Amino acid sequence: MDKNGLGGFNIDKSESADQRIVISTDNNGTFLTVYPPVAGAKPVTEPEVVEALRVKEITNYQYPLILKTVKEATGSPVRIIAPQAQLKEPDIQVLVERDRMEAFVIISASTNSRLATVDEVMVKLEAAGIRYGVNQESIKRVCQQPGPKLSVATGQHPKDGQDAQIVYTFNLDKNSKPAENENGSVDYKNINLFTTVSEGDILAEKIPAVPGKPGIDVLGNSIQPKPGRDLPLPIGKNVIAVEGKIIAGISGQVMFINNKVHVVPVIVINGDIDFSSGNIEFTGNVTVKGSVQPGFSIKAGGDIEVQGTVSGGIVEGRNITIRMGIQGMHRGHVKASQNVYAKFIENSNVFADGDVYVSDVILHSRVNAKHKVVVEGRRGIVGGQITAGEEIRSKVAGTQLAIVTELEVGVNPALREEYHNLRKDIHKVENTLDQTQKSLQVMRSVDQGSLTNEKRELLLKLTKAQFQLAGQAETMRNRIIQIEADLDQIRQGRIRIAEGVYPGVKIVVGTNVKSVRETLRFVTFYVDDGELKTSTYN
């Protein structure tokens, strides 16, 4: 109501010079008249009306009614404020989110209701227990514009702590690769597969967990943060813990096995693997200064280096380096869980879950690599079947004698099978975990003091099973993510031949096949839009 109060009919009347806006007050209330625009004139706008009301110090009007009156502009008086005696009290509601992190106010006001005041809203908030995060500007806004739900108080979320971390001083990357020269060739003399340490060396150090910062809800209750989890030091064999550090207890090869730090000695065979040594099986690294003779084997959990040749023997390890080369003699095999390095491969079966690097030639062999097969020598690849998930790179493929040679990229049946099996298995594990958690919830809902010994034992078993199943599910999910990334990389498979591809060579990229019938030079084979294509070597 304006400052002049209520009086007789038309005791207060205000209008613009051109009769566009008229504001009048009488015993029946306050009225607003908005005239339609005359020819060539602009229509009245809502800001103009609000300013006119402000000048007259009229504030307790219904804003939606002002908008409606301005929009219609009928030229007839519209009561925007009822007589004071007839005004209804506004309905103020306070709503609090379930997590108590936000509070809202809804003011329900009809055309006969007066506007709520800030003080009235504050009283309602106090009655609802709202103690923290109140926004005065939001309260003013909801008082001026009743109707919509408006947030008026917000809590502060807690800041979770940080988990403890283990910082390692040695390289955890197991995908060791040979150094490359400036011209792109591979230096097989400097592969640097082994990480040796001396007694007393610091191998790892733990950074302690950070507790976190509490939060507060709108009711003023403290919310405790999720504390940072501690981590045990990954103590393995031949290491000691001193003030949060892992220190080598002996000199030897440092290895990260089953998520623990170990220092293991390296087995060194000064001669051949033959009758004088017998077969070798070791969890660490093996160095052979001679050769692996036919019928003998080396199986190691770490890296294997053979300074001579492998002649019809079996070699299985992590990274495998054969300095002179592999002569399979159509028997035995070389199998690496990571990479294989050799001078040549002849009449052999070679498998690698990483890459295969050959400095001279591959002759009439079966070579399978999860990622790459790289041949640097001028003779390249002659005969046999070479398969890689991502790339085959060689100077030459086949010969002018049209020797049958098959090069295939973009396939990894074992990886796809593992992926499909994991998808099925994780579904079973998650279902079992869900059932276990439901059973635990039921058992924990009853009075723990009334449980029998059998029930208590069952509760303990279910609790242990819950953590085991959760760990299995997490491991499976991480493996699925890794396989999806590997399969996506495989789809980009390429065969790159730097010098010449001769007739008799069969090119397979994914499901696309091409038999080479004439010599091609400096060529790259790849698939684009489902078709096998070629481009210049790059």
Protein backbone atom coordinates (compact mmCIF):
# COMPACT_ATOMS: atom_id res chain seq x y z
CA MET A 1 0.00 0.00 0.00
CA ASP A 2 1.29 3.50 -0.74
CA LYS A 3 2.45 5.95 1.88
CA ASN A 4 -0.81 7.97 1.78
CA GLY A 5 -2.82 5.06 3.18
CA LEU A 6 -6.42 4.27 2.36
CA GLY A 7 -9.08 6.96 2.13
CA GLY A 8 -12.18 7.78 0.12
CA PHE A 9 -12.68 7.02 -3.52
CA ASN A 10 -9.73 8.16 -5.66
CA ILE A 11 -7.90 9.76 -2.75
CA ASP A 12 -4.64 9.00 -4.57
CA LYS A 13 -4.24 8.87 -8.28
CA SER A 14 -1.11 8.91 -10.41
CA GLU A 15 -0.91 8.78 -14.16
CA SER A 16 1.62 9.48 -16.84
CA ALA A 17 1.47 12.50 -19.05
CA ASP A 18 0.25 10.54 -22.05
CA GLN A 19 -2.33 8.47 -20.08
CA ARG A 20 -0.32 5.24 -20.64
CA ILE A 21 -0.19 4.17 -16.94
CA VAL A 22 -2.66 5.05 -14.14
CA ILE A 23 -2.23 3.97 -10.49
CA SER A 24 -5.12 4.76 -8.12
CA THR A 25 -6.09 3.84 -4.56
CA ASP A 26 -9.49 3.86 -2.82
CA ASN A 27 -11.38 1.94 -0.18
CA ASN A 28 -11.53 -1.04 -2.50
CA GLY A 29 -7.79 -1.32 -2.91
CA THR A 30 -5.05 -0.21 -5.30
CA PHE A 31 -5.72 -0.34 -9.04
CA LEU A 32 -3.46 -0.34 -12.09
CA THR A 33 -4.62 0.80 -15.51
CA VAL A 34 -2.43 0.14 -18.56
CA TYR A 35 -3.63 1.71 -21.79
CA PRO A 36 -2.96 0.17 -25.20
CA PRO A 37 -0.47 2.09 -27.34
CA VAL A 38 -1.75 4.72 -29.76
CA ALA A 39 -0.60 4.69 -33.36
CA GLY A 40 3.15 4.98 -33.64
CA ALA A 41 3.73 4.72 -29.88
CA LYS A 42 5.50 1.93 -28.00
CA PRO A 43 3.48 -0.31 -25.63
CA VAL A 44 3.91 0.00 -21.89
CA THR A 45 6.64 -2.29 -20.49
CA GLU A 46 6.83 -4.15 -17.18
CA PRO A 47 9.92 -2.17 -16.00
CA GLU A 48 8.00 1.09 -16.52
CA VAL A 49 5.14 -0.10 -14.33
CA VAL A 50 7.51 -1.43 -11.64
CA GLU A 51 9.30 1.94 -11.58
CA ALA A 52 6.01 3.82 -11.26
CA LEU A 53 5.02 1.57 -8.33
CA ARG A 54 8.43 2.07 -6.74
CA VAL A 55 8.12 5.85 -6.95
CA LYS A 56 4.81 5.59 -5.06
CA GLU A 57 6.48 3.18 -2.58
CA ILE A 58 4.01 0.43 -3.43
CA THR A 59 5.71 -2.94 -2.92
CA ASN A 60 3.17 -5.49 -1.68
CA TYR A 61 1.66 -6.24 -5.07
CA GLN A 62 1.43 -9.60 -6.84
CA TYR A 63 4.13 -9.62 -9.52
CA PRO A 64 2.42 -12.16 -11.84
CA LEU A 65 -0.69 -9.90 -11.84
CA ILE A 66 1.46 -6.94 -12.92
CA LEU A 67 2.83 -8.97 -15.85
CA LYS A 68 -0.68 -10.02 -16.89
CA THR A 69 -2.01 -6.45 -16.74
CA VAL A 70 0.91 -5.09 -18.81
CA LYS A 71 0.51 -7.85 -21.38
CA GLU A 72 -3.25 -7.38 -21.84
CA ALA A 73 -3.18 -3.50 -21.70
CA THR A 74 -6.99 -3.25 -21.79
CA GLY A 75 -7.21 0.34 -20.52
CA SER A 76 -9.44 -0.86 -17.65
CA PRO A 77 -8.44 -0.67 -13.96
CA VAL A 78 -7.13 -3.90 -12.49
CA ARG A 79 -6.95 -4.27 -8.69
CA ILE A 80 -3.40 -5.24 -7.87
CA ILE A 81 -3.68 -4.80 -4.06
CA ALA A 82 -6.77 -5.68 -2.05
CA PRO A 83 -7.88 -3.58 0.93
CA GLN A 84 -5.58 -4.16 3.88
CA ALA A 85 -8.33 -5.63 6.04
CA GLN A 86 -9.07 -8.29 3.44
CA LEU A 87 -5.47 -9.42 2.65
CA LYS A 88 -4.71 -13.05 3.45
CA GLU A 89 -1.57 -14.25 5.18
CA PRO A 90 1.00 -15.85 2.81
CA ASP A 91 1.61 -19.61 3.19
CA ILE A 92 5.33 -20.22 3.82
CA GLN A 93 6.65 -23.77 3.50
CA VAL A 94 10.20 -24.95 4.26
CA LEU A 95 11.49 -28.09 2.52
CA VAL A 96 14.75 -29.81 3.47
CA GLU A 97 16.51 -32.32 1.18
CA ARG A 98 16.87 -35.86 2.51
CA ASP A 99 20.63 -35.46 2.87
CA ARG A 100 20.05 -32.13 4.72
CA MET A 101 22.48 -30.37 2.38
CA GLU A 102 19.93 -27.90 0.96
CA ALA A 103 16.76 -26.15 2.14
CA PHE A 104 14.02 -24.61 -0.04
CA VAL A 105 11.17 -22.18 0.56
CA ILE A 106 7.84 -22.15 -1.24
CA ILE A 107 5.52 -19.16 -0.68
CA SER A 108 1.97 -19.76 -1.86
CA ALA A 109 0.17 -16.41 -2.30
CA SER A 110 -3.12 -15.68 -4.08
CA THR A 111 -4.13 -12.30 -5.48
CA ASN A 112 -5.69 -11.54 -2.07
CA SER A 113 -2.54 -12.43 -0.14
CA ARG A 114 0.04 -9.98 1.04
CA LEU A 115 3.75 -10.51 0.36
CA ALA A 116 5.79 -12.34 2.96
CA THR A 117 8.58 -10.52 4.74
CA VAL A 118 12.18 -11.62 5.21
CA ASP A 119 11.68 -11.79 8.95
CA GLU A 120 8.69 -14.13 8.54
CA VAL A 121 10.72 -16.46 6.36
CA MET A 122 13.60 -16.40 8.84
CA VAL A 123 11.22 -17.39 11.65
CA LYS A 124 10.01 -20.36 9.56
CA LEU A 125 13.59 -21.40 8.80
CA GLU A 126 14.51 -21.21 12.47
CA ALA A 127 11.48 -23.28 13.40
CA ALA A 128 12.58 -25.91 10.84
CA GLY A 129 16.00 -26.05 12.45
CA ILE A 130 17.92 -24.37 9.62
CA ARG A 131 21.14 -23.08 11.14
CA TYR A 132 23.77 -22.96 8.38
CA GLY A 133 24.25 -21.63 4.86
CA VAL A 134 21.25 -19.23 4.80
CA ASN A 135 21.30 -16.88 1.76
CA GLN A 136 19.62 -13.54 2.53
CA GLU A 137 19.46 -12.50 -1.13
CA SER A 138 17.58 -15.69 -2.01
CA ILE A 139 15.10 -15.02 0.82
CA LYS A 140 14.45 -11.51 -0.49
CA ARG A 141 13.90 -12.91 -3.98
CA VAL A 142 11.40 -15.55 -2.84
CA CYS A 143 9.49 -12.90 -0.87
CA GLN A 144 9.25 -10.63 -3.92
CA GLN A 145 8.37 -13.41 -6.36
CA PRO A 146 6.27 -16.04 -4.54
CA GLY A 147 5.32 -19.29 -6.23
CA PRO A 148 8.37 -21.24 -7.46
CA LYS A 149 10.47 -23.31 -5.05
CA LEU A 150 13.70 -21.50 -4.32
CA SER A 151 16.88 -22.67 -2.58
CA VAL A 152 17.61 -20.47 0.45
CA ALA A 153 20.25 -22.48 2.37
CA THR A 154 23.11 -24.76 1.30
CA GLY A 155 25.36 -26.96 3.39
CA GLN A 156 29.04 -27.56 2.87
CA HIS A 157 30.09 -31.01 1.71
CA PRO A 158 32.98 -32.68 3.50
CA LYS A 159 36.31 -32.96 1.72
CA ASP A 160 37.33 -36.59 1.68
CA GLY A 161 40.81 -37.55 2.73
CA GLN A 162 43.50 -38.82 0.41
CA ASP A 163 44.64 -42.41 0.45
CA ALA A 164 48.18 -43.25 1.31
CA GLN A 165 50.47 -43.72 -1.71
CA ILE A 166 53.50 -45.81 -2.41
CA VAL A 167 56.19 -44.01 -4.46
CA TYR A 168 58.66 -46.33 -6.16
CA THR A 169 62.20 -45.36 -7.03
CA PHE A 170 62.47 -47.97 -9.79
CA ASN A 171 60.57 -48.30 -13.05
CA LEU A 172 57.36 -50.33 -12.74
CA ASP A 173 56.79 -50.33 -16.51
CA LYS A 174 57.04 -53.94 -17.60
CA ASN A 175 56.81 -53.10 -21.29
CA SER A 176 60.55 -52.71 -21.76
CA LYS A 177 61.59 -51.92 -25.32
CA PRO A 178 64.92 -51.53 -27.07
CA ALA A 179 66.44 -48.13 -27.62
CA GLU A 180 66.03 -46.65 -31.09
CA ASN A 181 68.75 -44.89 -33.05
CA GLU A 182 68.20 -41.58 -34.81
CA ASN A 183 67.52 -43.39 -38.10
CA GLY A 184 64.72 -45.42 -36.49
CA SER A 185 66.62 -48.72 -36.32
CA VAL A 186 66.75 -50.72 -33.10
CA ASP A 187 69.89 -51.05 -30.97
CA TYR A 188 69.70 -54.61 -29.70
CA LYS A 189 72.90 -54.20 -27.69
CA ASN A 190 71.25 -51.75 -25.29
CA ILE A 191 67.87 -53.15 -24.35
CA ASN A 192 68.26 -52.45 -20.61
CA LEU A 193 65.80 -55.06 -19.41
CA PHE A 194 67.31 -55.58 -15.97
CA THR A 195 67.00 -53.26 -12.97
CA THR A 196 69.70 -54.10 -10.47
CA VAL A 197 70.01 -52.62 -7.00
CA SER A 198 72.59 -52.68 -4.21
CA GLU A 199 72.03 -53.64 -0.60
CA GLY A 200 70.70 -50.63 1.30
CA ASP A 201 69.12 -48.90 -1.74
CA ILE A 202 65.72 -47.27 -1.11
CA LEU A 203 63.19 -48.97 -3.39
CA ALA A 204 59.92 -47.33 -2.29
CA GLU A 205 58.49 -44.88 0.24
CA LYS A 206 54.99 -44.46 1.63
CA ILE A 207 53.24 -41.07 1.62
CA PRO A 208 50.85 -41.16 4.63
CA ALA A 209 47.09 -40.84 4.22
CA VAL A 210 45.39 -37.44 4.69
CA PRO A 211 42.37 -37.48 7.06
CA GLY A 212 40.11 -35.02 5.19
CA LYS A 213 38.00 -31.97 6.20
CA PRO A 214 34.53 -32.18 7.86
CA GLY A 215 31.45 -30.61 6.27
CA ILE A 216 28.22 -29.22 7.76
CA ASP A 217 24.56 -29.58 6.77
CA VAL A 218 21.90 -26.85 6.82
CA LEU A 219 20.77 -28.04 10.27
CA GLY A 220 24.24 -27.30 11.62
CA ASN A 221 25.26 -30.94 11.99
CA SER A 222 28.90 -31.84 11.34
CA ILE A 223 29.49 -34.32 8.48
CA GLN A 224 32.58 -36.41 8.83
CA PRO A 225 34.66 -36.92 5.68
CA LYS A 226 35.70 -40.25 4.26
CA PRO A 227 39.15 -40.71 5.73
CA GLY A 228 42.10 -41.56 3.53
CA ARG A 229 42.89 -45.26 3.58
CA ASP A 230 46.22 -46.47 4.80
CA LEU A 231 48.27 -48.85 2.68
CA PRO A 232 50.60 -51.53 3.92
CA LEU A 233 54.11 -51.44 2.55
CA PRO A 234 54.36 -54.08 -0.23
CA ILE A 235 57.13 -56.07 1.46
CA GLY A 236 58.38 -59.04 -0.55
CA LYS A 237 61.48 -61.20 -0.37
CA ASN A 238 64.92 -59.84 0.53
CA VAL A 239 63.67 -56.34 1.44
CA ILE A 240 63.18 -54.61 4.80
CA ALA A 241 60.93 -51.78 6.04
CA VAL A 242 62.51 -48.81 7.81
CA GLU A 243 60.42 -45.71 8.77
CA GLY A 244 57.95 -46.07 5.93
CA LYS A 245 60.60 -47.00 3.37
CA ILE A 246 61.35 -50.26 1.57
CA ILE A 247 65.09 -50.95 1.46
CA ALA A 248 66.92 -53.67 -0.47
CA GLY A 249 68.20 -56.37 1.88
CA ILE A 250 70.57 -57.82 -0.72
CA SER A 251 72.08 -56.82 -4.04
CA GLY A 252 70.28 -58.24 -7.03
CA GLN A 253 67.35 -57.79 -9.42
CA VAL A 254 64.41 -55.73 -8.12
CA MET A 255 61.04 -57.12 -9.24
CA PHE A 256 57.39 -56.22 -8.66
CA ILE A 257 55.57 -59.57 -8.35
CA ASN A 258 52.01 -60.02 -7.07
CA ASN A 259 51.94 -56.37 -6.01
CA LYS A 260 54.99 -56.76 -3.76
CA VAL A 261 58.59 -55.58 -4.05
CA HIS A 262 61.21 -58.35 -4.17
CA VAL A 263 64.95 -58.42 -4.70
CA VAL A 264 66.05 -61.69 -6.29
CA PRO A 265 69.43 -62.87 -7.46
CA VAL A 266 69.89 -63.49 -11.17
CA ILE A 267 70.70 -67.03 -12.29
CA VAL A 268 73.71 -66.96 -14.62
CA ILE A 269 74.57 -70.05 -16.70
CA ASN A 270 78.16 -69.73 -17.92
CA GLY A 271 77.76 -72.33 -20.68
CA ASP A 272 74.95 -74.02 -22.61
CA ILE A 273 71.63 -75.31 -21.39
CA ASP A 274 72.32 -79.00 -21.94
CA PHE A 275 73.02 -82.14 -19.96
CA SER A 276 75.54 -80.32 -17.79
CA SER A 277 72.91 -77.88 -16.48
CA GLY A 278 69.61 -79.64 -17.03
CA ASN A 279 66.38 -77.72 -17.57
CA ILE A 280 66.10 -74.37 -15.81
CA GLU A 281 62.96 -73.20 -13.99
CA PHE A 282 63.23 -70.02 -11.89
CA THR A 283 60.94 -67.25 -10.59
CA GLY A 284 63.49 -64.51 -11.38
CA ASN A 285 65.76 -63.65 -14.30
CA VAL A 286 68.04 -66.04 -16.14
CA THR A 287 71.17 -65.25 -18.14
CA VAL A 288 72.70 -67.94 -20.38
CA LYS A 289 76.15 -67.15 -21.77
CA GLY A 290 75.94 -70.06 -24.19
CA SER A 291 73.04 -71.58 -26.17
CA VAL A 292 69.91 -73.61 -25.50
CA GLN A 293 70.45 -77.03 -27.01
CA PRO A 294 67.72 -79.20 -28.63
CA GLY A 295 65.28 -80.73 -26.16
CA PHE A 296 66.20 -78.51 -23.22
CA SER A 297 64.15 -75.69 -21.72
CA ILE A 298 64.26 -72.47 -19.71
CA LYS A 299 61.13 -71.32 -17.91
CA ALA A 300 61.41 -68.13 -15.87
CA GLY A 301 59.07 -65.72 -14.15
CA GLY A 302 61.39 -62.86 -15.10
CA ASP A 303 63.50 -61.94 -18.12
CA ILE A 304 65.67 -64.39 -20.06
CA GLU A 305 68.83 -63.53 -21.97
CA VAL A 306 70.54 -66.15 -24.17
CA GLN A 307 73.80 -64.89 -25.60
CA GLY A 308 74.04 -67.73 -28.11
CA THR A 309 71.19 -69.41 -30.01
CA VAL A 310 68.06 -71.36 -29.19
CA SER A 311 68.23 -74.54 -31.25
CA GLY A 312 65.08 -76.60 -30.99
CA GLY A 313 64.62 -75.85 -27.30
CA ILE A 314 61.86 -74.29 -25.23
CA VAL A 315 62.24 -70.82 -23.75
CA GLU A 316 59.42 -69.21 -21.74
CA GLY A 317 59.71 -66.00 -19.77
CA ARG A 318 58.80 -62.34 -19.52
CA ASN A 319 61.12 -60.45 -21.91
CA ILE A 320 63.23 -62.89 -23.94
CA THR A 321 66.44 -61.83 -25.70
CA ILE A 322 68.23 -64.28 -28.04
CA ARG A 323 71.44 -62.52 -29.10
CA MET A 324 72.36 -64.81 -32.01
CA GLY A 325 68.98 -66.09 -33.10
CA ILE A 326 66.34 -68.84 -32.94
CA GLN A 327 66.72 -72.06 -34.95
CA GLY A 328 63.54 -73.95 -34.25
CA MET A 329 64.34 -77.12 -36.20
CA HIS A 330 60.53 -77.51 -36.36
CA ARG A 331 60.48 -78.33 -32.65
CA GLY A 332 60.24 -76.39 -29.38
CA HIS A 333 59.12 -72.78 -29.10
CA VAL A 334 59.87 -69.36 -27.64
CA LYS A 335 57.03 -67.77 -25.65
CA ALA A 336 57.19 -64.38 -23.89
CA SER A 337 54.60 -62.74 -21.65
CA GLN A 338 56.01 -59.43 -22.94
CA ASN A 339 58.58 -58.98 -25.76
CA VAL A 340 60.95 -61.15 -27.81
CA TYR A 341 64.25 -59.82 -29.23
CA ALA A 342 66.31 -61.94 -31.65
CA LYS A 343 68.86 -61.60 -34.44
CA PHE A 344 66.92 -64.03 -36.67
CA ILE A 345 64.07 -66.55 -36.48
CA GLU A 346 64.23 -69.68 -38.67
CA ASN A 347 61.83 -72.64 -38.79
CA SER A 348 60.53 -71.66 -35.38
CA ASN A 349 57.39 -70.98 -33.36
CA VAL A 350 57.57 -67.67 -31.50
CA PHE A 351 54.79 -66.13 -29.40
CA ALA A 352 54.75 -62.80 -27.54
CA ASP A 353 52.06 -61.02 -25.53
CA GLY A 354 53.90 -57.81 -26.42
CA ASP A 355 56.17 -57.24 -29.45
CA VAL A 356 58.67 -59.26 -31.50
CA TYR A 357 61.81 -57.43 -32.69
CA VAL A 358 64.16 -59.13 -35.21
CA SER A 359 67.33 -57.45 -36.44
CA ASP A 360 67.96 -59.68 -39.50
CA VAL A 361 65.32 -62.01 -40.97
CA ILE A 362 62.36 -64.29 -40.28
CA LEU A 363 62.47 -67.50 -42.36
CA HIS A 364 59.65 -70.04 -42.70
CA SER A 365 58.42 -69.49 -39.16
CA ARG A 366 55.22 -68.99 -37.26
CA VAL A 367 55.43 -65.74 -35.29
CA ASN A 368 52.54 -64.35 -33.25
CA ALA A 369 52.65 -61.04 -31.32
CA LYS A 370 49.85 -59.36 -29.44
CA HIS A 371 51.04 -55.91 -30.58
CA LYS A 372 53.88 -55.64 -33.15
CA VAL A 373 56.30 -57.70 -35.25
CA VAL A 374 59.26 -55.58 -36.44
CA VAL A 375 62.00 -56.90 -38.77
CA GLU A 376 64.88 -54.49 -39.44
CA GLY A 377 67.08 -56.62 -41.73
CA ARG A 378 67.15 -56.32 -45.54
CA ARG A 379 65.95 -59.88 -46.10
CA GLY A 380 62.82 -59.16 -44.09
CA ILE A 381 60.15 -61.88 -43.88
CA VAL A 382 60.31 -64.96 -46.10
CA GLY A 383 57.76 -67.78 -45.83
CA GLY A 384 55.63 -68.85 -42.88
CA GLN A 385 52.85 -67.06 -41.06
CA ILE A 386 53.33 -63.79 -39.19
CA THR A 387 50.46 -62.51 -37.04
CA ALA A 388 50.26 -59.31 -34.98
CA GLY A 389 47.46 -57.48 -33.22
CA GLU A 390 48.51 -53.96 -34.25
CA GLU A 391 51.37 -53.84 -36.77
CA ILE A 392 53.80 -55.81 -38.91
CA ARG A 393 56.77 -53.77 -40.14
CA SER A 394 59.52 -55.10 -42.42
CA LYS A 395 61.77 -54.00 -45.26
CA VAL A 396 60.79 -56.98 -47.45
CA ALA A 397 57.96 -59.54 -47.55
CA GLY A 398 58.38 -62.71 -49.67
CA THR A 399 60.86 -63.23 -52.52
CA GLN A 400 60.93 -63.16 -56.29
CA LEU A 401 60.43 -66.95 -56.18
CA ALA A 402 56.86 -66.35 -54.95
CA ILE A 403 57.35 -68.24 -51.68
CA VAL A 404 54.05 -68.44 -49.81
CA THR A 405 54.17 -65.89 -46.99
CA GLU A 406 51.18 -64.83 -44.88
CA LEU A 407 51.06 -61.54 -42.98
CA GLU A 408 48.04 -60.92 -40.74
CA VAL A 409 47.14 -58.03 -38.40
CA GLY A 410 44.08 -56.87 -36.50
CA VAL A 411 43.11 -60.17 -34.89
CA ASN A 412 43.50 -61.57 -31.40
CA PRO A 413 41.06 -64.44 -30.83
CA ALA A 414 42.44 -65.19 -27.36
CA LEU A 415 41.84 -61.60 -26.25
CA ARG A 416 38.28 -61.59 -27.57
CA GLU A 417 37.54 -64.93 -25.88
CA GLU A 418 38.92 -63.62 -22.58
CA TYR A 419 36.76 -60.49 -22.94
CA HIS A 420 33.55 -62.44 -23.54
CA ASN A 421 34.32 -64.82 -20.64
CA LEU A 422 34.99 -61.88 -18.32
CA ARG A 423 31.68 -60.24 -19.25
CA LYS A 424 29.84 -63.43 -18.30
CA ASP A 425 31.87 -64.08 -15.15
CA ILE A 426 31.56 -60.54 -13.76
CA HIS A 427 27.78 -60.76 -14.11
CA LYS A 428 27.78 -63.91 -11.94
CA VAL A 429 30.15 -62.36 -9.37
CA GLU A 430 28.07 -59.16 -9.12
CA ASN A 431 24.85 -61.18 -8.64
CA THR A 432 26.49 -63.24 -5.91
CA LEU A 433 27.84 -60.07 -4.28
CA ASP A 434 24.36 -58.50 -4.34
CA GLN A 435 22.81 -61.58 -2.70
CA THR A 436 25.57 -61.64 -0.08
CA GLN A 437 25.05 -57.97 0.76
CA LYS A 438 21.29 -58.47 1.10
CA SER A 439 21.84 -61.41 3.45
CA LEU A 440 24.26 -59.32 5.53
CA GLN A 441 21.75 -56.48 5.70
CA VAL A 442 19.07 -58.82 7.04
CA MET A 443 21.37 -60.37 9.66
CA ARG A 444 22.65 -56.99 10.83
CA SER A 445 19.12 -55.64 11.25
CA VAL A 446 18.39 -58.03 14.13
CA ASP A 447 19.65 -57.73 17.70
CA GLN A 448 23.27 -58.91 17.54
CA GLY A 449 23.11 -60.16 21.12
CA SER A 450 20.39 -62.64 20.20
CA LEU A 451 22.42 -64.36 17.48
CA THR A 452 23.41 -67.96 18.03
CA ASN A 453 27.00 -69.09 17.58
CA GLU A 454 26.07 -70.58 14.21
CA LYS A 455 24.53 -67.29 13.10
CA ARG A 456 27.60 -65.37 14.26
CA GLU A 457 29.86 -67.71 12.29
CA LEU A 458 27.63 -67.29 9.24
CA LEU A 459 27.77 -63.50 9.63
CA LEU A 460 31.58 -63.63 9.71
CA LYS A 461 31.71 -65.84 6.61
CA LEU A 462 29.33 -63.57 4.71
CA THR A 463 31.39 -60.50 5.66
CA LYS A 464 34.59 -62.12 4.39
CA ALA A 465 32.83 -63.28 1.22
CA GLN A 466 31.57 -59.75 0.59
CA PHE A 467 35.09 -58.29 0.57
CA GLN A 468 36.43 -61.15 -1.58
CA LEU A 469 33.65 -60.79 -4.14
CA ALA A 470 34.03 -57.00 -4.25
CA GLY A 471 37.76 -57.45 -4.92
CA GLN A 472 37.10 -59.98 -7.69
CA ALA A 473 34.57 -57.68 -9.34
CA GLU A 474 36.97 -54.72 -9.23
CA THR A 475 39.79 -56.79 -10.75
CA MET A 476 37.48 -58.01 -13.53
CA ARG A 477 36.25 -54.49 -14.30
CA ASN A 478 39.81 -53.19 -14.60
CA ARG A 479 40.76 -56.07 -16.90
CA ILE A 480 37.70 -55.46 -19.10
CA ILE A 481 38.68 -51.80 -19.49
CA GLN A 482 42.23 -52.82 -20.47
CA ILE A 483 41.00 -55.39 -23.02
CA GLU A 484 38.58 -52.87 -24.56
CA ALA A 485 41.49 -50.46 -25.03
CA ASP A 486 43.61 -53.24 -26.57
CA LEU A 487 40.83 -54.29 -28.96
CA ASP A 488 40.30 -50.69 -30.02
CA GLN A 489 44.02 -50.44 -30.81
CA ILE A 490 43.89 -53.69 -32.76
CA ARG A 491 41.18 -52.30 -35.06
CA GLN A 492 43.79 -49.87 -36.41
CA GLY A 493 46.08 -52.72 -37.55
CA ARG A 494 48.59 -51.98 -40.33
CA ILE A 495 51.18 -53.85 -42.39
CA ARG A 496 54.07 -51.62 -43.47
CA ILE A 497 56.69 -52.79 -45.97
CA ALA A 498 59.55 -50.34 -46.55
CA GLU A 499 60.98 -51.81 -49.77
CA GLY A 500 59.12 -54.61 -51.57
CA VAL A 501 56.18 -57.04 -51.31
CA TYR A 502 56.49 -59.93 -53.78
CA PRO A 503 53.89 -62.20 -55.40
CA GLY A 504 52.98 -65.13 -53.18
CA VAL A 505 52.44 -62.91 -50.15
CA LYS A 506 48.97 -63.01 -48.59
CA ILE A 507 47.89 -59.87 -46.74
CA VAL A 508 45.17 -60.12 -44.08
CA VAL A 509 43.94 -57.08 -42.15
CA GLY A 510 41.07 -58.03 -39.86
CA THR A 511 38.61 -59.90 -42.08
CA ASN A 512 39.97 -58.38 -45.30
CA VAL A 513 42.28 -60.50 -47.49
CA LYS A 514 44.51 -59.61 -50.44
CA SER A 515 46.82 -61.89 -52.42
CA VAL A 516 49.73 -59.97 -53.93
CA ARG A 517 50.08 -60.82 -57.67
CA GLU A 518 52.64 -58.20 -58.65
CA THR A 519 55.53 -56.61 -56.80
CA LEU A 520 54.54 -53.61 -54.65
CA ARG A 521 57.03 -51.20 -53.18
CA PHE A 522 57.02 -48.75 -50.27
CA VAL A 523 53.49 -49.71 -49.25
CA THR A 524 51.24 -49.71 -46.18
CA PHE A 525 48.16 -51.94 -45.98
CA TYR A 526 45.25 -50.87 -43.77
CA VAL A 527 41.45 -50.99 -43.56
CA ASP A 528 39.28 -47.92 -44.03
CA ASP A 529 35.47 -48.02 -44.13
CA GLY A 530 35.59 -51.80 -44.16
CA GLU A 531 37.85 -52.02 -47.23
CA LEU A 532 41.50 -53.09 -47.50
CA LYS A 533 43.48 -50.14 -48.86
CA THR A 534 47.09 -49.24 -49.55
CA SER A 535 49.12 -46.09 -49.15
CA THR A 536 52.78 -45.15 -49.33
CA TYR A 537 55.07 -46.42 -46.57
CA ASN A 538 55.13 -44.05 -43.63
